[in-house]
N, C-alpha and C. Protein backbone atom coordinates (compact mmCIF):
# COMPACT_ATOMS: atom_id res chain seq x y z
N MET A 1 242.86 77.89 4.05
CA MET A 1 242.48 79.10 3.03
C MET A 1 243.78 79.89 2.71
N ALA A 2 244.55 80.03 3.75
CA ALA A 2 246.01 80.60 3.45
C ALA A 2 246.85 79.68 2.47
N LYS A 3 246.65 78.53 2.40
CA LYS A 3 247.67 77.77 1.59
C LYS A 3 246.91 77.91 0.15
N HIS A 4 245.64 77.95 0.15
CA HIS A 4 244.88 77.83 -1.15
C HIS A 4 245.32 79.42 -1.82
N ILE A 5 245.20 80.49 -1.02
CA ILE A 5 245.67 81.75 -1.55
C ILE A 5 247.09 81.79 -2.18
N ARG A 6 247.99 81.35 -1.28
CA ARG A 6 249.32 81.24 -1.46
C ARG A 6 249.67 80.42 -2.88
N THR A 7 248.84 79.36 -2.96
CA THR A 7 249.23 78.52 -4.15
C THR A 7 248.60 79.40 -5.50
N TYR A 8 247.42 79.87 -5.33
CA TYR A 8 246.72 80.76 -6.32
C TYR A 8 247.92 81.82 -6.88
N VAL A 9 248.05 82.53 -5.72
CA VAL A 9 249.07 83.87 -6.06
C VAL A 9 250.20 83.50 -6.65
N GLU A 10 251.05 82.44 -5.87
CA GLU A 10 252.35 81.98 -6.43
C GLU A 10 252.58 81.52 -7.80
N SER A 11 251.54 80.73 -8.28
CA SER A 11 251.40 80.36 -9.44
C SER A 11 250.88 81.22 -10.63
N GLY A 12 250.68 82.39 -10.22
CA GLY A 12 250.02 83.40 -11.12
C GLY A 12 248.52 82.92 -11.62
N GLY A 13 248.01 82.16 -10.72
CA GLY A 13 246.80 81.71 -11.06
C GLY A 13 246.64 80.53 -12.15
N ARG A 14 247.83 79.83 -12.36
CA ARG A 14 247.54 78.70 -13.21
C ARG A 14 247.25 77.53 -12.31
N LYS A 15 247.45 77.63 -10.89
CA LYS A 15 246.84 76.51 -9.90
C LYS A 15 245.83 77.17 -8.96
N GLY A 16 245.07 76.77 -8.61
CA GLY A 16 244.18 76.95 -7.52
C GLY A 16 242.85 77.60 -8.01
N HIS A 17 242.71 77.70 -9.20
CA HIS A 17 241.48 78.23 -9.64
C HIS A 17 240.27 77.16 -9.51
N LEU A 18 240.62 75.95 -9.60
CA LEU A 18 239.84 74.96 -9.21
C LEU A 18 240.07 74.71 -7.91
N TYR A 19 239.22 74.43 -7.01
CA TYR A 19 239.51 74.02 -5.50
C TYR A 19 238.29 73.09 -5.09
N HIS A 20 238.54 71.78 -4.93
CA HIS A 20 237.66 70.79 -4.73
C HIS A 20 236.90 70.59 -5.67
N GLY A 21 237.08 70.89 -7.01
CA GLY A 21 236.14 70.93 -7.99
C GLY A 21 235.31 72.12 -8.48
N SER A 22 235.51 73.06 -7.65
CA SER A 22 234.62 74.37 -7.80
C SER A 22 235.36 75.49 -8.36
N PRO A 23 235.04 76.21 -9.31
CA PRO A 23 235.97 77.08 -9.76
C PRO A 23 235.84 78.39 -8.64
N THR A 24 237.23 79.00 -8.31
CA THR A 24 237.36 80.05 -7.24
C THR A 24 237.93 81.26 -7.99
N LEU A 25 237.75 82.38 -7.28
CA LEU A 25 238.47 83.60 -7.72
C LEU A 25 239.07 83.95 -6.44
N LEU A 26 240.08 85.10 -6.36
CA LEU A 26 240.33 85.73 -5.12
C LEU A 26 240.12 87.22 -5.34
N LEU A 27 239.10 87.44 -4.40
CA LEU A 27 238.54 88.73 -4.16
C LEU A 27 239.54 89.61 -3.10
N THR A 28 239.71 90.85 -3.39
CA THR A 28 240.59 91.72 -2.47
C THR A 28 239.79 92.84 -2.28
N THR A 29 239.31 92.92 -0.84
CA THR A 29 238.52 94.04 -0.37
C THR A 29 239.31 94.87 0.44
N ARG A 30 238.77 96.21 0.76
CA ARG A 30 239.31 97.05 1.87
C ARG A 30 238.55 96.82 2.98
N GLY A 31 239.32 96.59 4.19
CA GLY A 31 238.98 96.40 5.46
C GLY A 31 238.00 97.69 5.92
N ARG A 32 236.79 97.19 6.27
CA ARG A 32 235.84 98.39 6.64
C ARG A 32 236.40 99.27 7.78
N LYS A 33 236.96 98.47 8.71
CA LYS A 33 237.44 99.17 9.86
C LYS A 33 239.02 99.54 9.99
N SER A 34 239.73 98.48 9.33
CA SER A 34 241.25 98.71 9.47
C SER A 34 241.79 99.48 8.03
N GLY A 35 240.97 99.39 6.92
CA GLY A 35 241.39 99.97 5.80
C GLY A 35 242.47 99.23 4.94
N LEU A 36 242.74 98.10 5.52
CA LEU A 36 243.86 97.22 5.10
C LEU A 36 243.12 96.23 3.83
N LEU A 37 244.02 95.88 3.05
CA LEU A 37 243.40 95.03 1.96
C LEU A 37 243.42 93.69 2.46
N ARG A 38 242.32 92.86 2.10
CA ARG A 38 242.04 91.48 2.60
C ARG A 38 241.67 90.59 1.21
N ARG A 39 242.46 89.56 1.25
CA ARG A 39 242.25 88.73 0.06
C ARG A 39 241.35 87.44 0.64
N THR A 40 240.22 86.98 -0.12
CA THR A 40 239.72 85.90 0.22
C THR A 40 239.47 84.98 -1.07
N PRO A 41 239.55 83.65 -1.11
CA PRO A 41 239.06 82.81 -2.12
C PRO A 41 237.76 82.44 -1.93
N LEU A 42 236.94 82.53 -3.04
CA LEU A 42 235.50 82.28 -3.15
C LEU A 42 235.10 81.59 -4.36
N ILE A 43 234.03 80.61 -4.13
CA ILE A 43 233.73 79.85 -5.45
C ILE A 43 232.72 81.15 -6.17
N TYR A 44 232.75 81.02 -7.37
CA TYR A 44 231.91 81.98 -8.28
C TYR A 44 231.39 81.28 -9.27
N GLY A 45 230.19 82.04 -9.92
CA GLY A 45 229.55 81.60 -11.12
C GLY A 45 229.64 82.96 -12.12
N GLN A 46 229.23 82.66 -13.37
CA GLN A 46 229.18 83.62 -14.22
C GLN A 46 227.70 83.73 -14.79
N HIS A 47 227.62 85.08 -15.21
CA HIS A 47 226.15 85.52 -15.90
C HIS A 47 226.68 86.54 -16.87
N GLY A 48 226.83 86.07 -18.30
CA GLY A 48 227.22 86.99 -19.14
C GLY A 48 228.78 87.62 -18.53
N ASP A 49 228.93 88.73 -18.66
CA ASP A 49 230.25 89.11 -18.27
C ASP A 49 230.45 89.50 -16.89
N ARG A 50 229.43 89.09 -16.07
CA ARG A 50 229.56 89.51 -14.52
C ARG A 50 229.85 88.17 -13.87
N TYR A 51 230.55 88.39 -12.69
CA TYR A 51 230.95 87.33 -11.84
C TYR A 51 230.03 87.56 -10.65
N LEU A 52 229.55 86.29 -10.11
CA LEU A 52 228.58 86.24 -9.13
C LEU A 52 229.06 85.26 -7.92
N LEU A 53 228.98 85.86 -6.63
CA LEU A 53 229.32 85.39 -5.31
C LEU A 53 228.17 85.12 -4.49
N VAL A 54 228.45 84.34 -3.45
CA VAL A 54 227.12 84.21 -2.51
C VAL A 54 227.80 84.23 -1.07
N ALA A 55 227.26 85.34 -0.37
CA ALA A 55 227.95 85.61 0.82
C ALA A 55 227.39 84.65 1.94
N SER A 56 227.47 83.25 1.66
CA SER A 56 226.83 82.41 2.53
C SER A 56 227.31 82.06 3.95
N ASN A 57 228.83 82.28 3.88
CA ASN A 57 229.49 82.20 5.42
C ASN A 57 229.14 80.61 5.89
N GLY A 58 228.76 79.60 5.00
CA GLY A 58 228.44 78.44 5.42
C GLY A 58 227.12 78.21 6.19
N GLY A 59 226.33 79.41 5.78
CA GLY A 59 225.01 79.40 6.39
C GLY A 59 224.77 79.90 7.83
N ALA A 60 225.93 80.52 8.42
CA ALA A 60 226.20 81.19 9.68
C ALA A 60 225.12 82.34 9.84
N SER A 61 224.90 82.69 10.98
CA SER A 61 223.75 83.81 11.18
C SER A 61 224.47 85.15 10.95
N GLU A 62 225.71 85.51 10.78
CA GLU A 62 226.25 86.65 10.17
C GLU A 62 226.74 86.65 8.91
N HIS A 63 226.88 87.74 8.23
CA HIS A 63 227.54 88.17 6.94
C HIS A 63 229.16 87.69 7.20
N PRO A 64 229.54 87.14 6.07
CA PRO A 64 231.13 87.11 6.20
C PRO A 64 231.80 88.37 6.11
N ALA A 65 232.91 88.57 6.56
CA ALA A 65 233.60 89.77 6.71
C ALA A 65 233.88 90.26 5.22
N TRP A 66 234.16 89.42 4.28
CA TRP A 66 234.42 89.94 2.87
C TRP A 66 233.14 90.80 2.30
N TYR A 67 232.12 90.25 2.78
CA TYR A 67 230.81 91.10 2.21
C TYR A 67 230.64 92.37 2.95
N LEU A 68 230.79 92.25 4.27
CA LEU A 68 230.74 93.58 4.94
C LEU A 68 231.76 94.65 4.35
N ASN A 69 232.91 94.21 4.03
CA ASN A 69 234.16 95.02 3.78
C ASN A 69 233.62 95.69 2.22
N LEU A 70 233.08 94.58 1.35
CA LEU A 70 232.55 94.93 -0.08
C LEU A 70 231.45 96.06 0.16
N SER A 71 230.58 95.76 1.15
CA SER A 71 229.34 96.64 1.20
C SER A 71 229.91 97.98 1.49
N ALA A 72 230.87 98.25 2.09
CA ALA A 72 231.46 99.63 2.75
C ALA A 72 232.21 100.09 1.75
N HIS A 73 233.02 99.23 0.82
CA HIS A 73 234.07 99.68 -0.07
C HIS A 73 233.83 98.92 -1.31
N PRO A 74 233.04 99.17 -2.31
CA PRO A 74 232.46 98.15 -3.41
C PRO A 74 233.52 98.13 -4.25
N GLU A 75 234.62 99.02 -4.65
CA GLU A 75 235.72 98.68 -5.54
C GLU A 75 236.54 97.80 -4.92
N VAL A 76 236.60 96.75 -5.75
CA VAL A 76 237.54 95.48 -5.27
C VAL A 76 238.41 95.15 -6.38
N THR A 77 239.48 94.32 -6.21
CA THR A 77 240.36 93.69 -6.99
C THR A 77 240.18 92.15 -7.23
N VAL A 78 239.90 91.60 -8.45
CA VAL A 78 239.52 90.44 -8.73
C VAL A 78 240.60 89.61 -9.37
N GLN A 79 240.94 88.26 -9.04
CA GLN A 79 241.73 87.44 -9.77
C GLN A 79 240.99 86.22 -10.24
N VAL A 80 240.98 85.97 -11.53
CA VAL A 80 240.00 84.87 -11.92
C VAL A 80 241.18 84.04 -12.90
N GLY A 81 241.67 82.85 -12.27
CA GLY A 81 242.86 82.39 -12.93
C GLY A 81 243.95 83.24 -13.21
N THR A 82 244.30 83.49 -14.57
CA THR A 82 245.55 84.42 -14.72
C THR A 82 245.24 85.85 -14.70
N ASP A 83 243.73 86.09 -15.08
CA ASP A 83 243.22 87.45 -15.33
C ASP A 83 243.23 88.30 -13.65
N ILE A 84 243.68 89.34 -13.78
CA ILE A 84 243.58 90.29 -12.64
C ILE A 84 242.77 91.50 -13.09
N PHE A 85 241.81 92.10 -12.37
CA PHE A 85 241.06 93.25 -12.82
C PHE A 85 240.34 93.73 -11.58
N THR A 86 240.00 95.11 -11.95
CA THR A 86 239.04 95.83 -10.80
C THR A 86 237.88 95.66 -11.09
N ALA A 87 236.92 95.61 -10.16
CA ALA A 87 235.57 95.59 -10.35
C ALA A 87 234.86 96.44 -9.31
N ARG A 88 233.59 96.33 -9.64
CA ARG A 88 232.60 97.18 -8.45
C ARG A 88 231.59 95.98 -7.99
N GLY A 89 231.58 95.80 -6.85
CA GLY A 89 230.58 94.84 -6.35
C GLY A 89 229.31 95.29 -5.77
N ARG A 90 228.10 94.69 -5.90
CA ARG A 90 226.87 95.22 -5.38
C ARG A 90 226.04 94.02 -4.95
N THR A 91 225.10 94.14 -4.09
CA THR A 91 224.15 93.12 -3.75
C THR A 91 223.00 93.16 -4.78
N ALA A 92 222.88 91.87 -5.36
CA ALA A 92 221.80 91.70 -6.27
C ALA A 92 220.24 92.20 -5.65
N THR A 93 219.50 92.73 -6.43
CA THR A 93 218.26 93.12 -6.09
C THR A 93 217.40 91.75 -5.86
N PRO A 94 216.24 91.71 -5.13
CA PRO A 94 215.55 90.59 -4.88
C PRO A 94 215.29 89.79 -6.42
N GLU A 95 214.84 90.75 -7.35
CA GLU A 95 214.51 90.36 -8.71
C GLU A 95 215.60 89.67 -9.52
N GLU A 96 216.85 90.24 -9.31
CA GLU A 96 218.05 89.69 -9.89
C GLU A 96 218.33 88.22 -9.14
N LYS A 97 218.36 88.18 -7.96
CA LYS A 97 218.57 87.09 -6.95
C LYS A 97 217.72 85.90 -7.52
N ASP A 98 216.47 86.03 -7.92
CA ASP A 98 215.64 85.06 -8.01
C ASP A 98 216.25 84.05 -9.38
N SER A 99 216.73 84.57 -10.26
CA SER A 99 217.16 84.08 -11.50
C SER A 99 218.72 83.63 -11.21
N LEU A 100 219.53 84.67 -10.71
CA LEU A 100 220.98 84.38 -10.50
C LEU A 100 221.25 83.38 -9.35
N TRP A 101 220.45 83.02 -8.43
CA TRP A 101 220.65 82.01 -7.36
C TRP A 101 220.74 80.67 -8.13
N GLN A 102 219.74 80.27 -9.00
CA GLN A 102 220.00 79.01 -9.58
C GLN A 102 221.43 78.87 -10.31
N VAL A 103 221.88 79.88 -11.04
CA VAL A 103 223.27 79.99 -11.54
C VAL A 103 224.17 79.43 -10.61
N MET A 104 224.22 80.16 -9.20
CA MET A 104 225.20 79.58 -8.36
C MET A 104 224.80 78.31 -7.65
N THR A 105 223.70 77.84 -7.55
CA THR A 105 223.47 76.56 -6.86
C THR A 105 223.70 75.56 -7.92
N SER A 106 223.95 75.80 -9.22
CA SER A 106 224.37 74.77 -10.23
C SER A 106 225.76 74.51 -10.10
N VAL A 107 226.45 75.71 -9.55
CA VAL A 107 227.99 75.72 -9.26
C VAL A 107 228.26 74.85 -8.13
N PHE A 108 227.60 75.24 -7.00
CA PHE A 108 227.56 74.64 -5.67
C PHE A 108 226.30 74.42 -5.04
N PRO A 109 225.70 73.45 -5.26
CA PRO A 109 224.40 73.08 -4.54
C PRO A 109 224.36 73.17 -3.23
N LEU A 110 225.25 73.24 -2.49
CA LEU A 110 225.01 73.25 -1.07
C LEU A 110 224.53 74.67 -0.64
N TYR A 111 224.61 75.71 -1.62
CA TYR A 111 223.97 77.04 -0.98
C TYR A 111 222.73 76.92 -0.74
N ASP A 112 221.70 76.16 -1.44
CA ASP A 112 220.46 76.00 -0.88
C ASP A 112 220.19 75.39 0.56
N ARG A 113 221.17 74.67 0.79
CA ARG A 113 221.07 74.12 2.26
C ARG A 113 221.57 75.16 3.22
N TYR A 114 222.46 76.01 2.92
CA TYR A 114 223.05 77.11 3.67
C TYR A 114 221.73 77.88 3.97
N GLN A 115 221.07 78.35 2.89
CA GLN A 115 219.90 79.42 2.99
C GLN A 115 218.98 78.63 3.87
N ALA A 116 218.39 77.35 3.63
CA ALA A 116 217.40 76.78 4.20
C ALA A 116 217.57 76.70 5.89
N ALA A 117 219.09 76.68 6.14
CA ALA A 117 219.47 76.60 7.57
C ALA A 117 219.56 78.11 8.15
N SER A 118 219.91 79.02 7.52
CA SER A 118 220.03 80.40 8.11
C SER A 118 218.74 81.12 8.13
N GLU A 119 218.62 81.93 9.04
CA GLU A 119 217.68 82.92 9.49
C GLU A 119 217.60 84.12 8.49
N ARG A 120 218.96 84.34 8.17
CA ARG A 120 219.41 85.51 7.27
C ARG A 120 219.02 85.42 5.82
N ASP A 121 218.79 86.52 5.21
CA ASP A 121 218.73 86.05 3.56
C ASP A 121 219.99 86.27 3.23
N ILE A 122 220.65 85.19 2.56
CA ILE A 122 221.81 85.25 2.12
C ILE A 122 222.01 86.05 0.89
N PRO A 123 222.90 87.17 0.88
CA PRO A 123 223.15 87.90 -0.12
C PRO A 123 223.71 87.32 -1.47
N LEU A 124 223.41 87.50 -2.57
CA LEU A 124 224.13 87.02 -3.81
C LEU A 124 224.78 88.53 -4.32
N VAL A 125 226.24 88.58 -4.88
CA VAL A 125 226.82 89.70 -5.10
C VAL A 125 227.32 89.45 -6.58
N ILE A 126 226.85 90.70 -7.22
CA ILE A 126 227.32 90.70 -8.55
C ILE A 126 228.64 91.46 -8.67
N LEU A 127 229.58 91.09 -9.21
CA LEU A 127 230.84 91.79 -9.49
C LEU A 127 230.74 92.17 -11.13
N GLU A 128 230.88 93.48 -11.32
CA GLU A 128 230.92 93.93 -12.59
C GLU A 128 232.21 94.66 -13.02
N GLY A 129 233.00 93.99 -13.72
CA GLY A 129 234.57 94.32 -13.73
C GLY A 129 234.73 95.09 -14.90
N ASP A 130 236.12 95.66 -14.87
CA ASP A 130 236.66 96.39 -15.91
C ASP A 130 237.59 95.41 -16.85
N THR A 131 238.33 96.17 -17.67
CA THR A 131 239.28 95.39 -18.59
C THR A 131 240.39 95.00 -17.52
N PRO A 132 240.71 93.66 -17.73
CA PRO A 132 241.86 93.20 -17.01
C PRO A 132 243.05 94.36 -16.79
N LEU A 133 243.64 94.24 -15.66
CA LEU A 133 244.78 95.18 -15.33
C LEU A 133 245.97 94.50 -15.91
N THR A 134 246.17 93.26 -15.43
CA THR A 134 247.32 92.50 -15.71
C THR A 134 247.08 90.99 -16.23
N VAL A 135 247.62 90.30 -16.71
CA VAL A 135 247.57 88.74 -16.71
C VAL A 135 248.82 88.30 -16.13
N ALA A 136 248.59 87.58 -14.96
CA ALA A 136 249.60 87.05 -14.15
C ALA A 136 250.52 86.21 -14.96
N GLY A 137 251.82 86.20 -14.41
CA GLY A 137 252.87 85.07 -14.80
C GLY A 137 253.33 85.59 -16.11
């Protein structure tokens, strides 16, 4: 994961956007305990002008740290390719998740398997962004 982030950042987003065939973004959250900034590469989907993320943690029984951080501090920074912008993240409502889940499984079909294997309801996150802060590179 560290190499993927380094490639993404050092290339200004020109490399690393596609990872094993899936589109990825870099999500920077503020640590809920440490207060430090944490950057995580994540597979994403899009619905209109919103970005979608799945807090799958590979189907593990606990939520991933980035999701816990985002829940505590919803203001995040996002890099999608060469675009960097601020956004606000929130967990989709059950009604929103019903339709948006299909968007995400079309991008990464394993999400259905992860949900089936997990006892927790895997959250779907909606990022609603602002105007790009910068274009990298």
